[in-house]
Amino acid sequence: MSAHTRELDILGIYFTSLSTFSHDKARETAEKERECLCRGSASSAWAHLIPPLIQLAGVEKQYLNAAFLQPRGFLRRDGSPKNVYESIHNEMQRVGCRIVDLGMDVDSLGELATKVARDVAMLAKTPTNGSLRTTLRIVS
């Protein structure tokens, strides 16, 4: 199996899990990929996508469960969904710019990474549009 097919499969599992509200499975998928990347060499463009995807699964779960509305302990700082979405948006924009500006991975995997970064940045900018519609466009 080529690396490109492997990454497409991982993205498919990740975004299908998100769109079916299986946030924990999406997070586990991204975390397993991060562990694989730590053990071997991988596309740097691909490696930059994984941490924001892990964050996205967590904040989508938090947003869906309205967990951010629950009371917190004194001086406990949990990122509000708005702040986390903004952070994901900014990071994915940086990832997309890094790939384009530095010319890293200018193959089809680099193009895929750029597209995913751009689409996830758009999703993070407007999370209330619903992840299902946006994620289907990313994977297809």
C-alpha atoms as a PDB file:
ATOM      1  CA  MET A   1       0.000   0.000   0.000  1.00  0.00           C
ATOM      2  CA  SER A   2       1.428   3.365  -0.946  1.00  0.00           C
ATOM      3  CA  ALA A   3       1.890   6.054   1.674  1.00  0.00           C
ATOM      4  CA  HIS A   4      -0.638   8.266  -0.054  1.00  0.00           C
ATOM      5  CA  THR A   5      -3.328   5.567   0.126  1.00  0.00           C
ATOM      6  CA  ARG A   6      -2.499   4.972   3.790  1.00  0.00           C
ATOM      7  CA  GLU A   7      -2.950   8.659   4.631  1.00  0.00           C
ATOM      8  CA  LEU A   8      -6.230   8.801   2.696  1.00  0.00           C
ATOM      9  CA  ASP A   9      -7.467   5.790   4.668  1.00  0.00           C
ATOM     10  CA  ILE A  10      -6.498   7.431   7.950  1.00  0.00           C
ATOM     11  CA  LEU A  11      -8.234  10.676   6.966  1.00  0.00           C
ATOM     12  CA  GLY A  12     -11.294   8.700   5.895  1.00  0.00           C
ATOM     13  CA  ILE A  13     -11.497   6.911   9.250  1.00  0.00           C
ATOM     14  CA  TYR A  14     -10.834  10.129  11.164  1.00  0.00           C
ATOM     15  CA  PHE A  15     -13.440  12.277   9.411  1.00  0.00           C
ATOM     16  CA  THR A  16     -16.025   9.482   9.259  1.00  0.00           C
ATOM     17  CA  SER A  17     -15.609   9.087  13.008  1.00  0.00           C
ATOM     18  CA  LEU A  18     -16.058  12.831  13.530  1.00  0.00           C
ATOM     19  CA  SER A  19     -19.111  12.966  11.302  1.00  0.00           C
ATOM     20  CA  THR A  20     -20.744  10.113  13.238  1.00  0.00           C
ATOM     21  CA  PHE A  21     -19.942  11.783  16.560  1.00  0.00           C
ATOM     22  CA  SER A  22     -17.330   9.136  17.466  1.00  0.00           C
ATOM     23  CA  HIS A  23     -14.939  11.777  18.716  1.00  0.00           C
ATOM     24  CA  ASP A  24     -12.921   9.377  20.854  1.00  0.00           C
ATOM     25  CA  LYS A  25     -12.335   7.066  17.892  1.00  0.00           C
ATOM     26  CA  ALA A  26     -11.259  10.032  15.738  1.00  0.00           C
ATOM     27  CA  ARG A  27      -8.840  11.161  18.437  1.00  0.00           C
ATOM     28  CA  GLU A  28      -7.461   7.623  18.857  1.00  0.00           C
ATOM     29  CA  THR A  29      -6.926   7.358  15.101  1.00  0.00           C
ATOM     30  CA  ALA A  30      -4.944  10.601  15.041  1.00  0.00           C
ATOM     31  CA  GLU A  31      -2.984   9.693  18.174  1.00  0.00           C
ATOM     32  CA  LYS A  32      -2.024   6.285  16.735  1.00  0.00           C
ATOM     33  CA  GLU A  33      -0.797   8.030  13.609  1.00  0.00           C
ATOM     34  CA  ARG A  34       1.216  10.463  15.705  1.00  0.00           C
ATOM     35  CA  GLU A  35       2.841   7.495  17.479  1.00  0.00           C
ATOM     36  CA  CYS A  36       3.669   5.903  14.110  1.00  0.00           C
ATOM     37  CA  LEU A  37       5.202   9.179  12.950  1.00  0.00           C
ATOM     38  CA  CYS A  38       7.383   9.324  16.054  1.00  0.00           C
ATOM     39  CA  ARG A  39       8.759   5.839  15.334  1.00  0.00           C
ATOM     40  CA  GLY A  40       9.519   6.313  11.661  1.00  0.00           C
ATOM     41  CA  SER A  41      10.193   8.946   9.107  1.00  0.00           C
ATOM     42  CA  ALA A  42       7.155  10.500   7.507  1.00  0.00           C
ATOM     43  CA  SER A  43       6.171  13.353   5.299  1.00  0.00           C
ATOM     44  CA  SER A  44       6.766  16.564   7.201  1.00  0.00           C
ATOM     45  CA  ALA A  45       3.564  18.010   5.730  1.00  0.00           C
ATOM     46  CA  TRP A  46       1.625  15.025   7.039  1.00  0.00           C
ATOM     47  CA  ALA A  47       3.305  15.250  10.446  1.00  0.00           C
ATOM     48  CA  HIS A  48       2.204  18.891  10.821  1.00  0.00           C
ATOM     49  CA  LEU A  49      -1.457  17.966  10.267  1.00  0.00           C
ATOM     50  CA  ILE A  50      -1.797  15.442  13.080  1.00  0.00           C
ATOM     51  CA  PRO A  51      -1.639  17.629  16.255  1.00  0.00           C
ATOM     52  CA  PRO A  52      -4.422  19.994  15.129  1.00  0.00           C
ATOM     53  CA  LEU A  53      -6.542  16.978  14.136  1.00  0.00           C
ATOM     54  CA  ILE A  54      -6.165  15.619  17.672  1.00  0.00           C
ATOM     55  CA  GLN A  55      -7.234  19.011  19.039  1.00  0.00           C
ATOM     56  CA  LEU A  56     -10.182  19.138  16.641  1.00  0.00           C
ATOM     57  CA  ALA A  57     -11.564  15.803  17.850  1.00  0.00           C
ATOM     58  CA  GLY A  58     -11.358  16.994  21.452  1.00  0.00           C
ATOM     59  CA  VAL A  59     -12.993  20.349  20.877  1.00  0.00           C
ATOM     60  CA  GLU A  60     -15.752  18.856  18.716  1.00  0.00           C
ATOM     61  CA  LYS A  61     -16.584  16.485  21.584  1.00  0.00           C
ATOM     62  CA  GLN A  62     -16.485  19.371  24.059  1.00  0.00           C
ATOM     63  CA  TYR A  63     -18.698  21.491  21.795  1.00  0.00           C
ATOM     64  CA  LEU A  64     -21.230  18.708  21.209  1.00  0.00           C
ATOM     65  CA  ASN A  65     -21.481  17.839  24.901  1.00  0.00           C
ATOM     66  CA  ALA A  66     -21.604  21.525  25.886  1.00  0.00           C
ATOM     67  CA  ALA A  67     -18.924  20.587  28.421  1.00  0.00           C
ATOM     68  CA  PHE A  68     -17.603  24.132  28.301  1.00  0.00           C
ATOM     69  CA  LEU A  69     -20.762  25.272  30.116  1.00  0.00           C
ATOM     70  CA  GLN A  70     -20.015  23.174  33.204  1.00  0.00           C
ATOM     71  CA  PRO A  71     -18.516  24.934  36.209  1.00  0.00           C
ATOM     72  CA  ARG A  72     -14.735  24.745  36.586  1.00  0.00           C
ATOM     73  CA  GLY A  73     -12.515  24.738  39.636  1.00  0.00           C
ATOM     74  CA  PHE A  74     -10.935  27.915  40.906  1.00  0.00           C
ATOM     75  CA  LEU A  75      -8.134  29.161  38.612  1.00  0.00           C
ATOM     76  CA  ARG A  76      -8.522  26.156  36.351  1.00  0.00           C
ATOM     77  CA  ARG A  77      -7.945  27.200  32.776  1.00  0.00           C
ATOM     78  CA  ASP A  78      -9.682  25.110  30.178  1.00  0.00           C
ATOM     79  CA  GLY A  79      -9.648  26.485  26.683  1.00  0.00           C
ATOM     80  CA  SER A  80     -13.054  27.610  25.585  1.00  0.00           C
ATOM     81  CA  PRO A  81     -14.164  26.020  22.312  1.00  0.00           C
ATOM     82  CA  LYS A  82     -13.913  29.413  20.624  1.00  0.00           C
ATOM     83  CA  ASN A  83     -10.252  29.768  21.625  1.00  0.00           C
ATOM     84  CA  VAL A  84      -9.419  26.189  20.654  1.00  0.00           C
ATOM     85  CA  TYR A  85     -11.152  26.542  17.278  1.00  0.00           C
ATOM     86  CA  GLU A  86      -9.212  29.771  16.669  1.00  0.00           C
ATOM     87  CA  SER A  87      -5.979  28.003  17.607  1.00  0.00           C
ATOM     88  CA  ILE A  88      -6.743  25.128  15.211  1.00  0.00           C
ATOM     89  CA  HIS A  89      -7.659  27.607  12.479  1.00  0.00           C
ATOM     90  CA  ASN A  90      -4.397  29.509  12.906  1.00  0.00           C
ATOM     91  CA  GLU A  91      -2.278  26.355  13.068  1.00  0.00           C
ATOM     92  CA  MET A  92      -3.855  24.877   9.939  1.00  0.00           C
ATOM     93  CA  GLN A  93      -3.326  28.146   8.071  1.00  0.00           C
ATOM     94  CA  ARG A  94       0.341  28.045   9.107  1.00  0.00           C
ATOM     95  CA  VAL A  95       0.612  24.405   7.999  1.00  0.00           C
ATOM     96  CA  GLY A  96      -0.863  25.228   4.595  1.00  0.00           C
ATOM     97  CA  CYS A  97       1.412  28.247   4.170  1.00  0.00           C
ATOM     98  CA  ARG A  98       4.487  26.276   5.269  1.00  0.00           C
ATOM     99  CA  ILE A  99       3.782  23.576   2.722  1.00  0.00           C
ATOM    100  CA  VAL A 100       3.270  26.071  -0.100  1.00  0.00           C
ATOM    101  CA  ASP A 101       5.990  28.579   0.849  1.00  0.00           C
ATOM    102  CA  LEU A 102       8.702  26.074   1.624  1.00  0.00           C
ATOM    103  CA  GLY A 103       7.745  23.735  -1.189  1.00  0.00           C
ATOM    104  CA  MET A 104       7.801  20.802   1.216  1.00  0.00           C
ATOM    105  CA  ASP A 105       6.353  17.597  -0.124  1.00  0.00           C
ATOM    106  CA  VAL A 106       5.332  19.043  -3.453  1.00  0.00           C
ATOM    107  CA  ASP A 107       3.996  15.661  -4.486  1.00  0.00           C
ATOM    108  CA  SER A 108       0.367  14.553  -4.388  1.00  0.00           C
ATOM    109  CA  LEU A 109       0.635  13.937  -0.629  1.00  0.00           C
ATOM    110  CA  GLY A 110       1.744  17.545  -0.150  1.00  0.00           C
ATOM    111  CA  GLU A 111      -1.217  18.703  -2.212  1.00  0.00           C
ATOM    112  CA  LEU A 112      -3.523  16.550  -0.082  1.00  0.00           C
ATOM    113  CA  ALA A 113      -1.986  17.962   3.107  1.00  0.00           C
ATOM    114  CA  THR A 114      -2.493  21.510   1.820  1.00  0.00           C
ATOM    115  CA  LYS A 115      -6.138  20.801   0.955  1.00  0.00           C
ATOM    116  CA  VAL A 116      -6.830  19.189   4.325  1.00  0.00           C
ATOM    117  CA  ALA A 117      -5.141  22.073   6.153  1.00  0.00           C
ATOM    118  CA  ARG A 118      -7.192  24.624   4.210  1.00  0.00           C
ATOM    119  CA  ASP A 119     -10.492  22.785   4.750  1.00  0.00           C
ATOM    120  CA  VAL A 120      -9.900  22.122   8.453  1.00  0.00           C
ATOM    121  CA  ALA A 121      -8.967  25.791   8.898  1.00  0.00           C
ATOM    122  CA  MET A 122     -12.302  26.706   7.308  1.00  0.00           C
ATOM    123  CA  LEU A 123     -14.159  24.221   9.554  1.00  0.00           C
ATOM    124  CA  ALA A 124     -12.448  25.604  12.645  1.00  0.00           C
ATOM    125  CA  LYS A 125     -13.355  29.149  11.606  1.00  0.00           C
ATOM    126  CA  THR A 126     -17.066  28.303  11.395  1.00  0.00           C
ATOM    127  CA  PRO A 127     -17.721  25.261  13.613  1.00  0.00           C
ATOM    128  CA  THR A 128     -21.451  25.952  13.875  1.00  0.00           C
ATOM    129  CA  ASN A 129     -21.913  24.980  10.213  1.00  0.00           C
ATOM    130  CA  GLY A 130     -21.654  21.361  11.309  1.00  0.00           C
ATOM    131  CA  SER A 131     -18.701  19.101  10.769  1.00  0.00           C
ATOM    132  CA  LEU A 132     -20.453  16.512   8.602  1.00  0.00           C
ATOM    133  CA  ARG A 133     -20.891  18.731   5.540  1.00  0.00           C
ATOM    134  CA  THR A 134     -17.325  20.078   5.719  1.00  0.00           C
ATOM    135  CA  THR A 135     -15.641  16.764   6.479  1.00  0.00           C
ATOM    136  CA  LEU A 136     -17.301  15.051   3.541  1.00  0.00           C
ATOM    137  CA  ARG A 137     -15.745  17.667   1.265  1.00  0.00           C
ATOM    138  CA  ILE A 138     -12.295  17.121   2.815  1.00  0.00           C
ATOM    139  CA  VAL A 139     -12.255  13.352   2.315  1.00  0.00           C
ATOM    140  CA  SER A 140     -13.794  13.340  -1.149  1.00  0.00           C
END
